[in-house]
C-alpha atoms as a PDB file:
ATOM      1  CA  MET A   1      89.742  96.462 116.402  1.00  0.00           C
ATOM      2  CA  HIS A   2      87.895  98.579 118.917  1.00  0.00           C
ATOM      3  CA  LYS A   3      85.269 101.045 117.797  1.00  0.00           C
ATOM      4  CA  ASP A   4      87.400 104.070 118.661  1.00  0.00           C
ATOM      5  CA  GLU A   5      90.249 102.671 116.554  1.00  0.00           C
ATOM      6  CA  LEU A   6      87.884 102.123 113.626  1.00  0.00           C
ATOM      7  CA  ILE A   7      86.688 105.708 113.916  1.00  0.00           C
ATOM      8  CA  ILE A   8      90.290 106.953 113.803  1.00  0.00           C
ATOM      9  CA  LEU A   9      90.952 104.840 110.698  1.00  0.00           C
ATOM     10  CA  HIS A  10      87.698 106.108 109.178  1.00  0.00           C
ATOM     11  CA  GLN A  11      88.875 109.686 109.807  1.00  0.00           C
ATOM     12  CA  MET A  12      92.243 109.032 108.152  1.00  0.00           C
ATOM     13  CA  LEU A  13      90.595 107.533 105.074  1.00  0.00           C
ATOM     14  CA  SER A  14      88.187 110.455 104.977  1.00  0.00           C
ATOM     15  CA  GLU A  15      91.155 112.835 104.865  1.00  0.00           C
ATOM     16  CA  ILE A  16      92.662 110.839 101.981  1.00  0.00           C
ATOM     17  CA  LYS A  17      89.309 111.086 100.186  1.00  0.00           C
ATOM     18  CA  GLU A  18      89.326 114.859 100.668  1.00  0.00           C
ATOM     19  CA  TYR A  19      92.860 115.024  99.247  1.00  0.00           C
ATOM     20  CA  PHE A  20      91.823 113.139  96.112  1.00  0.00           C
ATOM     21  CA  GLU A  21      88.712 115.298  95.732  1.00  0.00           C
ATOM     22  CA  GLY A  22      90.895 118.400  95.975  1.00  0.00           C
ATOM     23  CA  THR A  23      93.447 117.219  93.434  1.00  0.00           C
ATOM     24  CA  SER A  24      91.042 115.537  91.011  1.00  0.00           C
ATOM     25  CA  PRO A  25      87.621 117.226  90.974  1.00  0.00           C
ATOM     26  CA  GLU A  26      86.297 114.614  88.546  1.00  0.00           C
ATOM     27  CA  LEU A  27      86.538 111.937  91.250  1.00  0.00           C
ATOM     28  CA  HIS A  28      83.300 111.195  93.047  1.00  0.00           C
ATOM     29  CA  PHE A  29      83.026 108.889  95.993  1.00  0.00           C
ATOM     30  CA  SER A  30      79.360 108.161  95.336  1.00  0.00           C
ATOM     31  CA  GLN A  31      79.069 104.804  97.117  1.00  0.00           C
ATOM     32  CA  TYR A  32      80.675 106.166 100.270  1.00  0.00           C
ATOM     33  CA  ASN A  33      78.699 109.416 100.177  1.00  0.00           C
ATOM     34  CA  ALA A  34      75.460 107.449  99.757  1.00  0.00           C
ATOM     35  CA  LEU A  35      76.118 105.710 103.086  1.00  0.00           C
ATOM     36  CA  ARG A  36      75.805 108.996 104.963  1.00  0.00           C
ATOM     37  CA  ILE A  37      78.231 107.767 107.611  1.00  0.00           C
ATOM     38  CA  THR A  38      81.067 110.059 108.616  1.00  0.00           C
ATOM     39  CA  PRO A  39      83.818 109.569 111.193  1.00  0.00           C
ATOM     40  CA  LYS A  40      82.177 112.274 113.321  1.00  0.00           C
ATOM     41  CA  GLN A  41      79.077 110.153 113.812  1.00  0.00           C
ATOM     42  CA  VAL A  42      80.379 108.268 116.826  1.00  0.00           C
ATOM     43  CA  HIS A  43      76.846 107.109 117.665  1.00  0.00           C
ATOM     44  CA  LYS A  44      76.878 104.838 114.592  1.00  0.00           C
ATOM     45  CA  SER A  45      77.670 101.207 115.296  1.00  0.00           C
ATOM     46  CA  LYS A  46      81.083  99.617 115.035  1.00  0.00           C
ATOM     47  CA  LEU A  47      79.859  97.523 112.083  1.00  0.00           C
ATOM     48  CA  GLU A  48      78.555 100.598 110.264  1.00  0.00           C
ATOM     49  CA  HIS A  49      81.937 102.312 110.584  1.00  0.00           C
ATOM     50  CA  LYS A  50      83.679  99.116 109.495  1.00  0.00           C
ATOM     51  CA  TYR A  51      81.452  98.909 106.414  1.00  0.00           C
ATOM     52  CA  ALA A  52      82.079 102.587 105.607  1.00  0.00           C
ATOM     53  CA  ILE A  53      85.836 102.006 105.888  1.00  0.00           C
ATOM     54  CA  PHE A  54      85.766  99.159 103.380  1.00  0.00           C
ATOM     55  CA  VAL A  55      83.537 101.046 100.932  1.00  0.00           C
ATOM     56  CA  LEU A  56      85.716 104.140 101.207  1.00  0.00           C
ATOM     57  CA  GLY A  57      88.898 102.069 100.932  1.00  0.00           C
ATOM     58  CA  SER A  58      87.604 100.513  97.733  1.00  0.00           C
ATOM     59  CA  GLU A  59      86.778 103.889  96.237  1.00  0.00           C
ATOM     60  CA  ILE A  60      90.146 105.330  97.278  1.00  0.00           C
ATOM     61  CA  ALA A  61      91.885 102.383  95.606  1.00  0.00           C
ATOM     62  CA  ASN A  62      89.868 103.082  92.451  1.00  0.00           C
ATOM     63  CA  ALA A  63      90.903 106.727  92.652  1.00  0.00           C
ATOM     64  CA  MET A  64      94.544 105.658  92.998  1.00  0.00           C
ATOM     65  CA  ARG A  65      94.176 103.525  89.887  1.00  0.00           C
ATOM     66  CA  THR A  66      92.871 106.566  88.032  1.00  0.00           C
ATOM     67  CA  VAL A  67      95.954 108.497  89.085  1.00  0.00           C
ATOM     68  CA  GLU A  68      98.278 105.748  87.762  1.00  0.00           C
ATOM     69  CA  PHE A  69      99.042 103.689  90.828  1.00  0.00           C
ATOM     70  CA  SER A  70      99.089 100.224  89.257  1.00  0.00           C
ATOM     71  CA  ALA A  71      99.084  98.081  92.414  1.00  0.00           C
ATOM     72  CA  SER A  72      95.718  99.426  93.511  1.00  0.00           C
ATOM     73  CA  ASN A  73      93.660  97.029  91.356  1.00  0.00           C
ATOM     74  CA  ARG A  74      93.836  94.207  93.871  1.00  0.00           C
ATOM     75  CA  ILE A  75      93.366  96.553  96.822  1.00  0.00           C
ATOM     76  CA  SER A  76      90.097  97.792  95.373  1.00  0.00           C
ATOM     77  CA  ALA A  77      88.803  94.281  94.770  1.00  0.00           C
ATOM     78  CA  ARG A  78      89.720  93.157  98.288  1.00  0.00           C
ATOM     79  CA  MET A  79      88.133  96.221  99.899  1.00  0.00           C
ATOM     80  CA  LYS A  80      84.943  95.519  97.948  1.00  0.00           C
ATOM     81  CA  GLU A  81      84.952  91.889  99.149  1.00  0.00           C
ATOM     82  CA  LEU A  82      85.394  93.036 102.752  1.00  0.00           C
ATOM     83  CA  ALA A  83      82.642  95.638 102.386  1.00  0.00           C
ATOM     84  CA  GLU A  84      80.220  93.002 101.083  1.00  0.00           C
ATOM     85  CA  LYS A  85      81.126  90.643 103.934  1.00  0.00           C
ATOM     86  CA  THR A  86      80.566  93.383 106.508  1.00  0.00           C
ATOM     87  CA  LEU A  87      77.236  94.345 104.926  1.00  0.00           C
ATOM     88  CA  ARG A  88      76.098  90.730 105.310  1.00  0.00           C
ATOM     89  CA  GLU A  89      77.120  90.903 108.997  1.00  0.00           C
ATOM     90  CA  ILE A  90      75.064  94.092 109.452  1.00  0.00           C
ATOM     91  CA  GLU A  91      72.036  92.533 107.774  1.00  0.00           C
ATOM     92  CA  LEU A  92      72.346  89.372 109.880  1.00  0.00           C
ATOM     93  CA  LEU A  93      72.613  91.414 113.064  1.00  0.00           C
ATOM     94  CA  GLN A  94      69.540  93.439 112.093  1.00  0.00           C
ATOM     95  CA  GLN A  95      67.576  90.245 111.392  1.00  0.00           C
ATOM     96  CA  GLN A  96      68.552  88.853 114.786  1.00  0.00           C
ATOM     97  CA  GLN A  97      67.355  92.025 116.492  1.00  0.00           C
ATOM     98  CA  GLU A  98      63.909  91.836 114.872  1.00  0.00           C
END
């Protein structure tokens, strides 16, 4: 995926997050919010947006599970796996740049 496509996907997931926050105020997307990466930050790297997408996707899947969507268990686990893989890529890239 190209960076601009990732940013569009990031924006869509961000809108889903906002929907869940509006309908269920008890939901907190703490891992995603801690990243401090938003779709509007186009200067962030492609890998950073990719990582944010997987973290946000995992938290959205957890939110879906809370709202009784049973199939979301596996989605959450897979998103977490992909987030961890992408974080390792970011760390490797940073080490190579040092």
